[in-house]
Amino acid sequence: MPPERWSWAGRCTSWARSSGGDPPFRTPVFVLTHRPRPAPVKESGTTFTFVTGGIRGALDRAKAAAGDGNVDIAGGASTVRQYLGEGLVDELRLHVVPALLGTGMRLFEAGSAGRRALDVVRVVESPVATHLKYRFVK
């Protein structure tokens, strides 16, 4: 049986609609979607803005909200591949766990990110995961 498809927009919509439990972000969250939705504010200060203008529209809004701060891109492989393919990622963090799922969407599909050099910034190992941080060479 194939794994259940997990929707980042669906998860954020659930958090946005729910009356219980606050999401962990505590910052503005810009969610890529094809359907506009209201932008609720949670008690923790997390705001959800559902963006229908594509990856560049979401990134522009996130950068404006972050000011001089960093913008994190999260979501599934499809979202990350779109940002990589457009050259919009400065750093890449991968969290590798020792489990084989057998199926799913590939993060690096042939040609999706083009060929770009990476510098290793940090590697943190533990028995449950290896955390890798890379910076794209300009």
C-alpha atoms as a PDB file:
ATOM      1  CA  MET A   1       0.000   0.000   0.000  1.00  0.00           C
ATOM      2  CA  PRO A   2       1.501   3.401  -0.957  1.00  0.00           C
ATOM      3  CA  PRO A   3       2.206   5.901   1.810  1.00  0.00           C
ATOM      4  CA  GLU A   4      -0.398   8.535   2.560  1.00  0.00           C
ATOM      5  CA  ARG A   5       0.322  11.810   0.763  1.00  0.00           C
ATOM      6  CA  TRP A   6       1.112  14.527   3.285  1.00  0.00           C
ATOM      7  CA  SER A   7       0.085  18.030   2.384  1.00  0.00           C
ATOM      8  CA  TRP A   8       2.008  20.935   3.915  1.00  0.00           C
ATOM      9  CA  ALA A   9      -0.841  23.303   3.019  1.00  0.00           C
ATOM     10  CA  GLY A  10      -3.297  20.838   4.545  1.00  0.00           C
ATOM     11  CA  ARG A  11      -1.290  20.586   7.779  1.00  0.00           C
ATOM     12  CA  CYS A  12      -1.034  24.380   8.072  1.00  0.00           C
ATOM     13  CA  THR A  13      -4.743  24.724   7.325  1.00  0.00           C
ATOM     14  CA  SER A  14      -5.460  22.261  10.153  1.00  0.00           C
ATOM     15  CA  TRP A  15      -3.328  24.303  12.562  1.00  0.00           C
ATOM     16  CA  ALA A  16      -4.884  27.535  11.362  1.00  0.00           C
ATOM     17  CA  ARG A  17      -8.446  26.256  11.857  1.00  0.00           C
ATOM     18  CA  SER A  18      -7.950  24.368  15.091  1.00  0.00           C
ATOM     19  CA  SER A  19      -8.883  25.875  18.404  1.00  0.00           C
ATOM     20  CA  GLY A  20      -6.508  23.634  20.330  1.00  0.00           C
ATOM     21  CA  GLY A  21      -2.732  23.419  20.234  1.00  0.00           C
ATOM     22  CA  ASP A  22      -0.547  26.119  18.841  1.00  0.00           C
ATOM     23  CA  PRO A  23       1.825  25.431  15.953  1.00  0.00           C
ATOM     24  CA  PRO A  24       5.528  25.568  16.852  1.00  0.00           C
ATOM     25  CA  PHE A  25       6.599  28.367  14.486  1.00  0.00           C
ATOM     26  CA  ARG A  26       5.842  31.587  16.430  1.00  0.00           C
ATOM     27  CA  THR A  27       6.606  33.582  13.282  1.00  0.00           C
ATOM     28  CA  PRO A  28       4.698  34.390  10.105  1.00  0.00           C
ATOM     29  CA  VAL A  29       4.156  31.327   7.895  1.00  0.00           C
ATOM     30  CA  PHE A  30       3.529  31.693   4.167  1.00  0.00           C
ATOM     31  CA  VAL A  31       1.885  28.619   2.688  1.00  0.00           C
ATOM     32  CA  LEU A  32       1.868  27.891  -1.046  1.00  0.00           C
ATOM     33  CA  THR A  33      -1.621  26.975  -2.198  1.00  0.00           C
ATOM     34  CA  HIS A  34      -3.921  27.105  -5.207  1.00  0.00           C
ATOM     35  CA  ARG A  35      -6.917  28.229  -3.116  1.00  0.00           C
ATOM     36  CA  PRO A  36      -7.015  31.493  -1.178  1.00  0.00           C
ATOM     37  CA  ARG A  37      -7.930  31.147   2.498  1.00  0.00           C
ATOM     38  CA  PRO A  38      -8.285  33.584   5.408  1.00  0.00           C
ATOM     39  CA  ALA A  39      -5.104  34.371   7.358  1.00  0.00           C
ATOM     40  CA  PRO A  40      -5.719  33.484  11.016  1.00  0.00           C
ATOM     41  CA  VAL A  41      -3.423  34.477  13.891  1.00  0.00           C
ATOM     42  CA  LYS A  42      -2.732  31.946  16.646  1.00  0.00           C
ATOM     43  CA  GLU A  43      -2.086  32.725  20.333  1.00  0.00           C
ATOM     44  CA  SER A  44       1.648  32.090  19.945  1.00  0.00           C
ATOM     45  CA  GLY A  45       1.879  34.846  17.348  1.00  0.00           C
ATOM     46  CA  THR A  46       2.049  32.457  14.417  1.00  0.00           C
ATOM     47  CA  THR A  47       0.207  33.881  11.439  1.00  0.00           C
ATOM     48  CA  PHE A  48      -0.696  31.830   8.381  1.00  0.00           C
ATOM     49  CA  THR A  49      -0.841  33.582   5.039  1.00  0.00           C
ATOM     50  CA  PHE A  50      -1.941  31.377   2.158  1.00  0.00           C
ATOM     51  CA  VAL A  51      -0.160  32.549  -1.001  1.00  0.00           C
ATOM     52  CA  THR A  52      -1.506  31.769  -4.464  1.00  0.00           C
ATOM     53  CA  GLY A  53       1.195  33.694  -6.359  1.00  0.00           C
ATOM     54  CA  GLY A  54       3.727  30.858  -6.660  1.00  0.00           C
ATOM     55  CA  ILE A  55       7.115  30.368  -5.053  1.00  0.00           C
ATOM     56  CA  ARG A  56       8.479  33.822  -5.861  1.00  0.00           C
ATOM     57  CA  GLY A  57       5.375  35.524  -4.457  1.00  0.00           C
ATOM     58  CA  ALA A  58       5.646  33.521  -1.239  1.00  0.00           C
ATOM     59  CA  LEU A  59       9.380  34.208  -0.959  1.00  0.00           C
ATOM     60  CA  ASP A  60       8.924  37.953  -1.533  1.00  0.00           C
ATOM     61  CA  ARG A  61       6.304  38.108   1.210  1.00  0.00           C
ATOM     62  CA  ALA A  62       8.430  36.041   3.593  1.00  0.00           C
ATOM     63  CA  LYS A  63      11.484  38.244   2.981  1.00  0.00           C
ATOM     64  CA  ALA A  64       9.444  41.379   3.639  1.00  0.00           C
ATOM     65  CA  ALA A  65       8.147  39.894   6.912  1.00  0.00           C
ATOM     66  CA  ALA A  66      11.635  38.738   7.978  1.00  0.00           C
ATOM     67  CA  GLY A  67      13.317  42.085   7.396  1.00  0.00           C
ATOM     68  CA  ASP A  68      17.014  41.433   8.020  1.00  0.00           C
ATOM     69  CA  GLY A  69      16.291  37.915   9.337  1.00  0.00           C
ATOM     70  CA  ASN A  70      16.513  34.587   7.576  1.00  0.00           C
ATOM     71  CA  VAL A  71      13.715  32.915   5.646  1.00  0.00           C
ATOM     72  CA  ASP A  72      13.305  29.152   6.020  1.00  0.00           C
ATOM     73  CA  ILE A  73      11.652  27.136   3.257  1.00  0.00           C
ATOM     74  CA  ALA A  74       9.891  24.011   4.441  1.00  0.00           C
ATOM     75  CA  GLY A  75       7.526  21.598   2.859  1.00  0.00           C
ATOM     76  CA  GLY A  76       7.709  18.550   0.702  1.00  0.00           C
ATOM     77  CA  ALA A  77      10.207  17.558  -1.960  1.00  0.00           C
ATOM     78  CA  SER A  78       8.184  19.261  -4.692  1.00  0.00           C
ATOM     79  CA  THR A  79       8.346  22.648  -2.945  1.00  0.00           C
ATOM     80  CA  VAL A  80      12.065  22.374  -2.224  1.00  0.00           C
ATOM     81  CA  ARG A  81      12.799  21.273  -5.818  1.00  0.00           C
ATOM     82  CA  GLN A  82      10.977  24.326  -7.170  1.00  0.00           C
ATOM     83  CA  TYR A  83      13.072  26.711  -5.066  1.00  0.00           C
ATOM     84  CA  LEU A  84      16.297  24.844  -5.886  1.00  0.00           C
ATOM     85  CA  GLY A  85      15.444  24.847  -9.588  1.00  0.00           C
ATOM     86  CA  GLU A  86      15.026  28.629  -9.574  1.00  0.00           C
ATOM     87  CA  GLY A  87      18.322  29.131  -7.713  1.00  0.00           C
ATOM     88  CA  LEU A  88      16.530  30.746  -4.758  1.00  0.00           C
ATOM     89  CA  VAL A  89      18.241  28.716  -2.002  1.00  0.00           C
ATOM     90  CA  ASP A  90      21.417  30.009  -0.295  1.00  0.00           C
ATOM     91  CA  GLU A  91      21.782  27.227   2.280  1.00  0.00           C
ATOM     92  CA  LEU A  92      20.475  23.688   2.397  1.00  0.00           C
ATOM     93  CA  ARG A  93      19.838  21.714   5.582  1.00  0.00           C
ATOM     94  CA  LEU A  94      19.169  17.993   5.318  1.00  0.00           C
ATOM     95  CA  HIS A  95      18.165  15.748   8.202  1.00  0.00           C
ATOM     96  CA  VAL A  96      18.874  12.105   7.396  1.00  0.00           C
ATOM     97  CA  VAL A  97      17.362   9.359   9.541  1.00  0.00           C
ATOM     98  CA  PRO A  98      18.355   5.687   9.338  1.00  0.00           C
ATOM     99  CA  ALA A  99      15.067   4.439   7.898  1.00  0.00           C
ATOM    100  CA  LEU A 100      14.186   3.283   4.403  1.00  0.00           C
ATOM    101  CA  LEU A 101      10.673   4.259   3.428  1.00  0.00           C
ATOM    102  CA  GLY A 102      10.686   2.386   0.130  1.00  0.00           C
ATOM    103  CA  THR A 103       8.635   4.954  -1.759  1.00  0.00           C
ATOM    104  CA  GLY A 104       8.038   8.653  -1.848  1.00  0.00           C
ATOM    105  CA  MET A 105       9.071  11.699  -3.805  1.00  0.00           C
ATOM    106  CA  ARG A 106      12.757  12.260  -4.505  1.00  0.00           C
ATOM    107  CA  LEU A 107      14.236  15.473  -3.201  1.00  0.00           C
ATOM    108  CA  PHE A 108      16.853  15.614  -5.961  1.00  0.00           C
ATOM    109  CA  GLU A 109      15.333  14.740  -9.308  1.00  0.00           C
ATOM    110  CA  ALA A 110      17.561  14.804 -12.398  1.00  0.00           C
ATOM    111  CA  GLY A 111      17.988  18.407 -13.506  1.00  0.00           C
ATOM    112  CA  SER A 112      15.707  19.876 -10.826  1.00  0.00           C
ATOM    113  CA  ALA A 113      18.429  21.946  -9.153  1.00  0.00           C
ATOM    114  CA  GLY A 114      20.947  22.219 -11.935  1.00  0.00           C
ATOM    115  CA  ARG A 115      24.575  21.586 -11.104  1.00  0.00           C
ATOM    116  CA  ARG A 116      25.748  23.855  -8.288  1.00  0.00           C
ATOM    117  CA  ALA A 117      28.730  23.541  -5.980  1.00  0.00           C
ATOM    118  CA  LEU A 118      28.171  23.227  -2.231  1.00  0.00           C
ATOM    119  CA  ASP A 119      30.425  23.997   0.737  1.00  0.00           C
ATOM    120  CA  VAL A 120      29.917  21.926   3.872  1.00  0.00           C
ATOM    121  CA  VAL A 121      29.026  24.231   6.770  1.00  0.00           C
ATOM    122  CA  ARG A 122      28.232  21.703   9.498  1.00  0.00           C
ATOM    123  CA  VAL A 123      27.675  17.995  10.096  1.00  0.00           C
ATOM    124  CA  VAL A 124      26.109  16.816  13.358  1.00  0.00           C
ATOM    125  CA  GLU A 125      25.784  13.078  13.923  1.00  0.00           C
ATOM    126  CA  SER A 126      23.701  11.179  16.442  1.00  0.00           C
ATOM    127  CA  PRO A 127      22.307   7.646  16.674  1.00  0.00           C
ATOM    128  CA  VAL A 128      18.897   8.859  15.437  1.00  0.00           C
ATOM    129  CA  ALA A 129      19.818  11.343  12.679  1.00  0.00           C
ATOM    130  CA  THR A 130      22.605  13.071  10.796  1.00  0.00           C
ATOM    131  CA  HIS A 131      22.113  16.797  10.267  1.00  0.00           C
ATOM    132  CA  LEU A 132      23.875  18.304   7.250  1.00  0.00           C
ATOM    133  CA  LYS A 133      24.165  21.996   6.435  1.00  0.00           C
ATOM    134  CA  TYR A 134      25.523  23.206   3.102  1.00  0.00           C
ATOM    135  CA  ARG A 135      26.010  26.652   1.586  1.00  0.00           C
ATOM    136  CA  PHE A 136      25.720  27.089  -2.168  1.00  0.00           C
ATOM    137  CA  VAL A 137      28.898  28.496  -3.729  1.00  0.00           C
ATOM    138  CA  LYS A 138      28.145  31.774  -5.513  1.00  0.00           C
END
